[in-house]
Amino acid sequence: MNIQNAREILEDVRFAETEEVKLVKAQRETTIFINRHKAHGTVQYQVINDVSRLSNDEMERIVAVFVHGPAWQFKGWNYFGLNDKGEMVNKWNAKPVNIFSDVQAFHIYYDDIKIEPNVLKWNVERIPVSRMKRYKDKANLARIWEKIDKHIQKNRPWLRY
């Protein structure tokens, strides 16, 4: 998954190959907005592909991350918050283990390809996609929103979701 097929996956709950989406979208976006329709109204989520320009307040609102596997993906992921002593510290320190204890992480992968070893070690929800059994996509991808909702309720209750 990347920002090019994020709308199809998150808003339409449909897996779309990146190559398929590239044919339709001429320009690669750096930020998109996903509208999620719920019983009480529509909630808008911002999807970005680079956290380096986010303020600390914006970092605090991150509810999910989609991982590919390499640890370098999290270079620059620094979030400063208060520790138990009330001191300002770098809580994430660009370390996936720290990030995934605070942010819901997902790895979407083809079920016929070996999973990246890092992903197997990390606290990541693995979402399989089958090349042959596409009818399973919607149920598997719907788990993303279930996990995000539970994560927000537990870790970010001040956010509207």
N, C-alpha and C. Protein backbone atom coordinates (compact mmCIF):
# COMPACT_ATOMS: atom_id res chain seq x y z
N MET A 1 0.84 -1.18 0.00
CA MET A 1 0.00 0.00 0.00
C MET A 1 0.87 1.23 0.00
N ASN A 2 0.45 2.23 -0.73
CA ASN A 2 1.09 3.53 -0.68
C ASN A 2 0.01 4.59 -0.90
N ILE A 3 0.42 5.83 -0.95
CA ILE A 3 -0.57 6.91 -1.03
C ILE A 3 -1.36 6.86 -2.34
N GLN A 4 -0.82 6.22 -3.35
CA GLN A 4 -1.53 6.15 -4.63
C GLN A 4 -2.75 5.24 -4.57
N ASN A 5 -2.70 4.18 -3.79
CA ASN A 5 -3.88 3.31 -3.71
C ASN A 5 -4.58 3.39 -2.34
N ALA A 6 -4.20 4.36 -1.53
CA ALA A 6 -4.79 4.51 -0.19
C ALA A 6 -6.28 4.80 -0.25
N ARG A 7 -6.71 5.63 -1.19
CA ARG A 7 -8.14 5.96 -1.28
C ARG A 7 -8.97 4.70 -1.57
N GLU A 8 -8.51 3.90 -2.50
CA GLU A 8 -9.24 2.68 -2.84
C GLU A 8 -9.31 1.73 -1.64
N ILE A 9 -8.20 1.60 -0.93
CA ILE A 9 -8.15 0.68 0.20
C ILE A 9 -8.94 1.20 1.40
N LEU A 10 -8.76 2.46 1.75
CA LEU A 10 -9.38 2.98 2.97
C LEU A 10 -10.79 3.52 2.78
N GLU A 11 -11.06 4.16 1.66
CA GLU A 11 -12.38 4.76 1.46
C GLU A 11 -13.33 3.77 0.77
N ASP A 12 -12.85 3.08 -0.25
CA ASP A 12 -13.69 2.15 -1.00
C ASP A 12 -13.62 0.73 -0.45
N VAL A 13 -12.70 0.47 0.48
CA VAL A 13 -12.43 -0.85 1.05
C VAL A 13 -12.30 -1.86 -0.09
N ARG A 14 -11.41 -1.51 -1.01
CA ARG A 14 -11.15 -2.33 -2.19
C ARG A 14 -9.66 -2.27 -2.49
N PHE A 15 -9.04 -3.43 -2.66
CA PHE A 15 -7.62 -3.44 -2.97
C PHE A 15 -7.41 -3.11 -4.44
N ALA A 16 -6.54 -2.18 -4.71
CA ALA A 16 -6.19 -1.80 -6.08
C ALA A 16 -4.68 -1.83 -6.20
N GLU A 17 -4.21 -2.46 -7.23
CA GLU A 17 -2.77 -2.50 -7.50
C GLU A 17 -2.27 -1.07 -7.73
N THR A 18 -1.07 -0.79 -7.27
CA THR A 18 -0.49 0.54 -7.47
C THR A 18 -0.41 0.86 -8.96
N GLU A 19 -0.04 -0.12 -9.77
CA GLU A 19 0.08 0.09 -11.21
C GLU A 19 -1.27 0.45 -11.83
N GLU A 20 -2.34 -0.16 -11.34
CA GLU A 20 -3.69 0.13 -11.82
C GLU A 20 -4.06 1.59 -11.54
N VAL A 21 -3.73 2.05 -10.33
CA VAL A 21 -4.06 3.41 -9.92
C VAL A 21 -3.20 4.42 -10.68
N LYS A 22 -1.94 4.08 -10.94
CA LYS A 22 -1.05 4.99 -11.67
C LYS A 22 -1.59 5.31 -13.05
N LEU A 23 -2.28 4.37 -13.69
CA LEU A 23 -2.84 4.61 -15.01
C LEU A 23 -3.91 5.70 -14.99
N VAL A 24 -4.63 5.79 -13.88
CA VAL A 24 -5.71 6.76 -13.74
C VAL A 24 -5.20 8.10 -13.21
N LYS A 25 -4.30 8.05 -12.24
CA LYS A 25 -3.78 9.27 -11.61
C LYS A 25 -2.44 9.63 -12.23
N ALA A 26 -2.41 10.74 -12.90
CA ALA A 26 -1.18 11.17 -13.57
C ALA A 26 -0.16 11.73 -12.59
N GLN A 27 -0.63 12.34 -11.53
CA GLN A 27 0.27 13.02 -10.59
C GLN A 27 0.29 12.30 -9.25
N ARG A 28 1.46 12.15 -8.70
CA ARG A 28 1.58 11.51 -7.38
C ARG A 28 1.34 12.57 -6.30
N GLU A 29 0.41 12.28 -5.42
CA GLU A 29 0.06 13.21 -4.36
C GLU A 29 0.89 12.93 -3.11
N THR A 30 1.07 13.94 -2.28
CA THR A 30 1.80 13.75 -1.03
C THR A 30 0.83 13.71 0.16
N THR A 31 -0.37 14.24 -0.04
CA THR A 31 -1.40 14.25 0.99
C THR A 31 -2.75 14.04 0.31
N ILE A 32 -3.56 13.18 0.90
CA ILE A 32 -4.94 13.02 0.43
C ILE A 32 -5.85 12.97 1.65
N PHE A 33 -7.13 13.20 1.43
CA PHE A 33 -8.11 13.14 2.49
C PHE A 33 -9.10 12.02 2.18
N ILE A 34 -9.32 11.17 3.17
CA ILE A 34 -10.23 10.04 3.05
C ILE A 34 -11.49 10.37 3.84
N ASN A 35 -12.64 10.18 3.23
CA ASN A 35 -13.90 10.37 3.93
C ASN A 35 -14.45 9.02 4.34
N ARG A 36 -14.71 8.89 5.62
CA ARG A 36 -15.27 7.65 6.15
C ARG A 36 -16.66 7.95 6.65
N HIS A 37 -17.62 7.27 6.05
CA HIS A 37 -19.02 7.49 6.41
C HIS A 37 -19.41 6.53 7.53
N LYS A 38 -19.88 7.14 8.61
CA LYS A 38 -20.31 6.37 9.78
C LYS A 38 -21.74 6.76 10.12
N ALA A 39 -22.34 6.05 11.05
CA ALA A 39 -23.74 6.29 11.42
C ALA A 39 -23.98 7.73 11.89
N HIS A 40 -23.02 8.31 12.59
CA HIS A 40 -23.20 9.66 13.14
C HIS A 40 -22.68 10.76 12.21
N GLY A 41 -22.20 10.41 11.05
CA GLY A 41 -21.72 11.41 10.10
C GLY A 41 -20.45 10.97 9.40
N THR A 42 -19.86 11.90 8.69
CA THR A 42 -18.64 11.61 7.94
C THR A 42 -17.43 12.11 8.72
N VAL A 43 -16.42 11.27 8.79
CA VAL A 43 -15.17 11.63 9.46
C VAL A 43 -14.10 11.68 8.38
N GLN A 44 -13.29 12.72 8.42
CA GLN A 44 -12.24 12.87 7.43
C GLN A 44 -10.88 12.53 8.04
N TYR A 45 -10.13 11.71 7.34
CA TYR A 45 -8.78 11.32 7.75
C TYR A 45 -7.80 11.86 6.72
N GLN A 46 -6.68 12.34 7.19
CA GLN A 46 -5.62 12.80 6.31
C GLN A 46 -4.60 11.67 6.17
N VAL A 47 -4.23 11.38 4.93
CA VAL A 47 -3.23 10.35 4.66
C VAL A 47 -2.03 11.06 4.06
N ILE A 48 -0.86 10.82 4.65
CA ILE A 48 0.37 11.47 4.18
C ILE A 48 1.43 10.40 3.94
N ASN A 49 2.43 10.77 3.17
CA ASN A 49 3.52 9.81 2.94
C ASN A 49 4.85 10.30 3.48
N ASP A 50 4.83 11.38 4.29
CA ASP A 50 6.07 11.91 4.85
C ASP A 50 5.76 12.66 6.13
N VAL A 51 6.27 12.17 7.26
CA VAL A 51 5.99 12.81 8.55
C VAL A 51 6.99 13.91 8.90
N SER A 52 7.99 14.11 8.08
CA SER A 52 9.08 15.02 8.45
C SER A 52 8.62 16.46 8.65
N ARG A 53 7.51 16.85 8.06
CA ARG A 53 7.05 18.24 8.19
C ARG A 53 5.96 18.42 9.26
N LEU A 54 5.65 17.35 9.96
CA LEU A 54 4.58 17.43 10.96
C LEU A 54 5.08 18.04 12.26
N SER A 55 4.21 18.83 12.87
CA SER A 55 4.52 19.37 14.20
C SER A 55 4.29 18.28 15.23
N ASN A 56 4.71 18.53 16.46
CA ASN A 56 4.51 17.56 17.53
C ASN A 56 3.01 17.32 17.76
N ASP A 57 2.20 18.38 17.67
CA ASP A 57 0.76 18.22 17.83
C ASP A 57 0.18 17.33 16.73
N GLU A 58 0.67 17.49 15.52
CA GLU A 58 0.20 16.65 14.42
C GLU A 58 0.67 15.21 14.59
N MET A 59 1.88 15.01 15.07
CA MET A 59 2.38 13.66 15.32
C MET A 59 1.50 12.94 16.35
N GLU A 60 0.99 13.70 17.30
CA GLU A 60 0.14 13.14 18.35
C GLU A 60 -1.18 12.62 17.79
N ARG A 61 -1.58 13.10 16.61
CA ARG A 61 -2.85 12.68 16.02
C ARG A 61 -2.70 11.52 15.04
N ILE A 62 -1.50 11.00 14.88
CA ILE A 62 -1.31 9.85 14.00
C ILE A 62 -1.99 8.64 14.65
N VAL A 63 -2.86 7.99 13.90
CA VAL A 63 -3.58 6.84 14.46
C VAL A 63 -3.17 5.53 13.79
N ALA A 64 -2.58 5.60 12.62
CA ALA A 64 -2.20 4.36 11.93
C ALA A 64 -1.02 4.62 11.01
N VAL A 65 -0.29 3.54 10.78
CA VAL A 65 0.83 3.58 9.84
C VAL A 65 0.81 2.27 9.06
N PHE A 66 1.15 2.36 7.79
CA PHE A 66 1.24 1.18 6.94
C PHE A 66 2.72 0.94 6.66
N VAL A 67 3.17 -0.24 7.03
CA VAL A 67 4.60 -0.55 6.94
C VAL A 67 4.90 -1.45 5.76
N HIS A 68 6.08 -1.26 5.20
CA HIS A 68 6.57 -2.11 4.12
C HIS A 68 7.52 -3.16 4.68
N GLY A 69 8.30 -2.79 5.69
CA GLY A 69 9.21 -3.75 6.31
C GLY A 69 10.55 -3.17 6.71
N PRO A 70 11.19 -2.38 5.86
CA PRO A 70 12.50 -1.85 6.26
C PRO A 70 12.37 -0.83 7.40
N ALA A 71 13.27 -0.90 8.36
CA ALA A 71 13.25 0.03 9.50
C ALA A 71 13.52 1.46 9.06
N TRP A 72 14.24 1.65 7.95
CA TRP A 72 14.54 3.02 7.50
C TRP A 72 13.26 3.80 7.16
N GLN A 73 12.15 3.10 6.96
CA GLN A 73 10.87 3.76 6.68
C GLN A 73 10.51 4.74 7.81
N PHE A 74 11.06 4.54 9.00
CA PHE A 74 10.69 5.35 10.15
C PHE A 74 11.75 6.38 10.54
N LYS A 75 12.68 6.61 9.67
CA LYS A 75 13.66 7.67 9.90
C LYS A 75 12.91 9.00 9.99
N GLY A 76 13.19 9.75 11.01
CA GLY A 76 12.52 11.04 11.19
C GLY A 76 11.23 10.96 12.00
N TRP A 77 10.85 9.78 12.41
CA TRP A 77 9.65 9.63 13.23
C TRP A 77 10.02 9.92 14.67
N ASN A 78 9.92 11.17 15.06
CA ASN A 78 10.23 11.59 16.42
C ASN A 78 9.01 12.30 17.00
N TYR A 79 8.60 11.85 18.15
CA TYR A 79 7.45 12.43 18.83
C TYR A 79 7.86 12.74 20.25
N PHE A 80 7.74 13.99 20.63
CA PHE A 80 8.16 14.42 21.96
C PHE A 80 6.95 14.52 22.88
N GLY A 81 7.05 13.86 24.01
CA GLY A 81 5.98 13.88 25.00
C GLY A 81 6.56 13.80 26.39
N LEU A 82 5.70 13.84 27.36
CA LEU A 82 6.14 13.81 28.75
C LEU A 82 6.29 12.37 29.23
N ASN A 83 7.38 12.13 29.96
CA ASN A 83 7.57 10.81 30.56
C ASN A 83 6.91 10.79 31.94
N ASP A 84 7.11 9.72 32.70
CA ASP A 84 6.48 9.58 34.02
C ASP A 84 6.90 10.66 35.00
N LYS A 85 8.09 11.24 34.79
CA LYS A 85 8.61 12.29 35.68
C LYS A 85 8.21 13.69 35.23
N GLY A 86 7.42 13.79 34.14
CA GLY A 86 7.01 15.09 33.63
C GLY A 86 8.05 15.76 32.76
N GLU A 87 9.07 15.01 32.35
CA GLU A 87 10.13 15.57 31.51
C GLU A 87 9.80 15.34 30.04
N MET A 88 10.15 16.31 29.19
CA MET A 88 9.93 16.19 27.76
C MET A 88 10.99 15.26 27.17
N VAL A 89 10.54 14.19 26.53
CA VAL A 89 11.47 13.21 25.95
C VAL A 89 10.99 12.81 24.55
N ASN A 90 11.91 12.28 23.77
CA ASN A 90 11.58 11.74 22.46
C ASN A 90 11.01 10.34 22.69
N LYS A 91 9.69 10.22 22.64
CA LYS A 91 9.03 8.97 22.99
C LYS A 91 9.20 7.89 21.92
N TRP A 92 9.29 8.28 20.65
CA TRP A 92 9.39 7.29 19.59
C TRP A 92 10.83 7.06 19.17
N ASN A 93 11.61 8.13 19.09
CA ASN A 93 13.02 8.02 18.73
C ASN A 93 13.26 7.22 17.44
N ALA A 94 12.32 7.33 16.49
CA ALA A 94 12.42 6.69 15.18
C ALA A 94 12.57 5.17 15.26
N LYS A 95 12.15 4.59 16.36
CA LYS A 95 12.26 3.13 16.53
C LYS A 95 10.88 2.50 16.35
N PRO A 96 10.75 1.59 15.39
CA PRO A 96 9.45 0.97 15.14
C PRO A 96 8.80 0.37 16.39
N VAL A 97 9.56 -0.25 17.26
CA VAL A 97 8.98 -0.85 18.47
C VAL A 97 8.29 0.22 19.30
N ASN A 98 8.90 1.38 19.43
CA ASN A 98 8.30 2.48 20.20
C ASN A 98 7.07 3.03 19.47
N ILE A 99 7.19 3.21 18.18
CA ILE A 99 6.08 3.77 17.39
C ILE A 99 4.87 2.86 17.47
N PHE A 100 5.09 1.54 17.28
CA PHE A 100 3.98 0.61 17.23
C PHE A 100 3.35 0.33 18.58
N SER A 101 3.98 0.79 19.65
CA SER A 101 3.33 0.68 20.96
C SER A 101 2.33 1.82 21.14
N ASP A 102 2.42 2.84 20.27
CA ASP A 102 1.58 4.03 20.38
C ASP A 102 0.68 4.25 19.17
N VAL A 103 1.01 3.65 18.03
CA VAL A 103 0.27 3.85 16.78
C VAL A 103 -0.09 2.47 16.21
N GLN A 104 -1.31 2.33 15.72
CA GLN A 104 -1.74 1.06 15.11
C GLN A 104 -1.00 0.88 13.79
N ALA A 105 -0.33 -0.24 13.64
CA ALA A 105 0.46 -0.50 12.43
C ALA A 105 -0.15 -1.64 11.62
N PHE A 106 -0.06 -1.50 10.30
CA PHE A 106 -0.60 -2.50 9.37
C PHE A 106 0.44 -2.83 8.31
N HIS A 107 0.36 -4.06 7.84
CA HIS A 107 1.19 -4.50 6.71
C HIS A 107 0.26 -5.26 5.77
N ILE A 108 0.02 -4.69 4.58
CA ILE A 108 -0.79 -5.35 3.57
C ILE A 108 0.17 -6.08 2.64
N TYR A 109 -0.10 -7.35 2.42
CA TYR A 109 0.84 -8.15 1.64
C TYR A 109 0.08 -9.21 0.83
N TYR A 110 0.70 -9.63 -0.26
CA TYR A 110 0.15 -10.74 -1.03
C TYR A 110 0.43 -12.02 -0.25
N ASP A 111 -0.59 -12.85 -0.13
CA ASP A 111 -0.45 -14.06 0.67
C ASP A 111 0.48 -15.11 0.06
N ASP A 112 0.94 -14.90 -1.17
CA ASP A 112 1.86 -15.85 -1.79
C ASP A 112 3.31 -15.37 -1.77
N ILE A 113 3.56 -14.28 -1.05
CA ILE A 113 4.91 -13.72 -0.96
C ILE A 113 5.37 -13.77 0.50
N LYS A 114 6.62 -14.10 0.69
CA LYS A 114 7.20 -14.17 2.03
C LYS A 114 7.16 -12.78 2.69
N ILE A 115 6.75 -12.76 3.94
CA ILE A 115 6.67 -11.50 4.68
C ILE A 115 8.06 -11.06 5.11
N GLU A 116 8.30 -9.77 5.01
CA GLU A 116 9.56 -9.16 5.44
C GLU A 116 9.84 -9.55 6.89
N PRO A 117 11.05 -10.01 7.23
CA PRO A 117 11.36 -10.46 8.61
C PRO A 117 11.06 -9.42 9.68
N ASN A 118 11.31 -8.15 9.42
CA ASN A 118 11.01 -7.12 10.43
C ASN A 118 9.53 -7.12 10.80
N VAL A 119 8.69 -7.27 9.80
CA VAL A 119 7.24 -7.24 10.04
C VAL A 119 6.83 -8.36 10.98
N LEU A 120 7.48 -9.50 10.85
CA LEU A 120 7.16 -10.63 11.73
C LEU A 120 7.56 -10.36 13.18
N LYS A 121 8.55 -9.50 13.38
CA LYS A 121 9.01 -9.17 14.74
C LYS A 121 8.22 -8.04 15.37
N TRP A 122 7.61 -7.20 14.56
CA TRP A 122 6.95 -5.99 15.06
C TRP A 122 5.49 -6.26 15.43
N ASN A 123 4.95 -5.35 16.24
CA ASN A 123 3.54 -5.38 16.61
C ASN A 123 2.73 -4.75 15.47
N VAL A 124 2.51 -5.55 14.44
CA VAL A 124 1.87 -5.09 13.21
C VAL A 124 0.72 -6.01 12.86
N GLU A 125 -0.42 -5.44 12.52
CA GLU A 125 -1.55 -6.23 12.04
C GLU A 125 -1.31 -6.56 10.57
N ARG A 126 -1.18 -7.84 10.28
CA ARG A 126 -0.90 -8.26 8.91
C ARG A 126 -2.21 -8.54 8.17
N ILE A 127 -2.37 -7.89 7.03
CA ILE A 127 -3.59 -8.01 6.22
C ILE A 127 -3.23 -8.69 4.90
N PRO A 128 -3.62 -9.96 4.73
CA PRO A 128 -3.29 -10.64 3.48
C PRO A 128 -4.24 -10.26 2.35
N VAL A 129 -3.70 -10.23 1.15
CA VAL A 129 -4.48 -10.03 -0.07
C VAL A 129 -4.11 -11.18 -1.00
N SER A 130 -5.13 -11.82 -1.53
CA SER A 130 -4.90 -12.95 -2.43
C SER A 130 -5.02 -12.51 -3.88
N ARG A 131 -4.10 -12.95 -4.69
CA ARG A 131 -4.19 -12.65 -6.13
C ARG A 131 -5.34 -13.42 -6.78
N MET A 132 -5.67 -14.59 -6.21
CA MET A 132 -6.67 -15.47 -6.82
C MET A 132 -8.04 -15.38 -6.15
N LYS A 133 -8.09 -15.06 -4.88
CA LYS A 133 -9.35 -15.05 -4.12
C LYS A 133 -9.71 -13.61 -3.75
N ARG A 134 -9.98 -12.79 -4.74
CA ARG A 134 -10.23 -11.36 -4.51
C ARG A 134 -11.50 -11.11 -3.70
N TYR A 135 -12.39 -12.08 -3.64
CA TYR A 135 -13.61 -11.93 -2.86
C TYR A 135 -13.33 -11.78 -1.37
N LYS A 136 -12.12 -12.14 -0.91
CA LYS A 136 -11.75 -12.02 0.50
C LYS A 136 -11.26 -10.61 0.86
N ASP A 137 -10.94 -9.81 -0.16
CA ASP A 137 -10.35 -8.49 0.08
C ASP A 137 -11.18 -7.62 1.02
N LYS A 138 -12.46 -7.49 0.74
CA LYS A 138 -13.29 -6.56 1.51
C LYS A 138 -13.30 -6.92 3.00
N ALA A 139 -13.46 -8.19 3.32
CA ALA A 139 -13.47 -8.60 4.72
C ALA A 139 -12.11 -8.37 5.38
N ASN A 140 -11.05 -8.69 4.67
CA ASN A 140 -9.70 -8.49 5.23
C ASN A 140 -9.41 -7.01 5.42
N LEU A 141 -9.74 -6.20 4.43
CA LEU A 141 -9.46 -4.76 4.51
C LEU A 141 -10.34 -4.06 5.53
N ALA A 142 -11.55 -4.56 5.76
CA ALA A 142 -12.44 -3.97 6.76
C ALA A 142 -11.83 -4.06 8.16
N ARG A 143 -10.95 -5.02 8.38
CA ARG A 143 -10.26 -5.15 9.68
C ARG A 143 -9.44 -3.90 9.99
N ILE A 144 -8.99 -3.21 8.95
CA ILE A 144 -8.20 -1.99 9.17
C ILE A 144 -9.02 -1.00 10.00
N TRP A 145 -10.26 -0.73 9.58
CA TRP A 145 -11.07 0.24 10.30
C TRP A 145 -11.46 -0.26 11.69
N GLU A 146 -11.70 -1.55 11.82
CA GLU A 146 -12.00 -2.09 13.15
C GLU A 146 -10.84 -1.83 14.11
N LYS A 147 -9.64 -2.11 13.65
CA LYS A 147 -8.44 -1.91 14.48
C LYS A 147 -8.20 -0.42 14.76
N ILE A 148 -8.38 0.42 13.76
CA ILE A 148 -8.17 1.86 13.96
C ILE A 148 -9.17 2.39 14.99
N ASP A 149 -10.44 1.99 14.87
CA ASP A 149 -11.45 2.45 15.83
C ASP A 149 -11.10 2.04 17.25
N LYS A 150 -10.70 0.80 17.44
CA LYS A 150 -10.31 0.32 18.77
C LYS A 150 -9.09 1.07 19.28
N HIS A 151 -8.13 1.31 18.40
CA HIS A 151 -6.92 2.03 18.79
C HIS A 151 -7.26 3.46 19.23
N ILE A 152 -8.08 4.15 18.47
CA ILE A 152 -8.44 5.53 18.82
C ILE A 152 -9.18 5.55 20.15
N GLN A 153 -10.12 4.65 20.31
CA GLN A 153 -10.89 4.60 21.56
C GLN A 153 -9.97 4.41 22.76
N LYS A 154 -8.97 3.56 22.60
CA LYS A 154 -8.07 3.25 23.72
C LYS A 154 -6.97 4.30 23.90
N ASN A 155 -6.36 4.76 22.81
CA ASN A 155 -5.16 5.59 22.90
C ASN A 155 -5.33 7.06 22.52
N ARG A 156 -6.38 7.39 21.79
CA ARG A 156 -6.60 8.77 21.35
C ARG A 156 -8.08 9.15 21.50
N PRO A 157 -8.66 8.98 22.70
CA PRO A 157 -10.10 9.20 22.85
C PRO A 157 -10.54 10.64 22.59
N TRP A 158 -9.64 11.59 22.59
CA TRP A 158 -9.99 12.98 22.35
C TRP A 158 -10.22 13.26 20.85
N LEU A 159 -9.84 12.32 19.99
CA LEU A 159 -10.05 12.50 18.55
C LEU A 159 -11.48 12.10 18.18
N ARG A 160 -12.02 12.80 17.19
CA ARG A 160 -13.35 12.48 16.67
C ARG A 160 -13.18 11.37 15.65
N TYR A 161 -13.90 10.29 15.81
CA TYR A 161 -13.80 9.17 14.86
C TYR A 161 -15.12 8.48 14.67
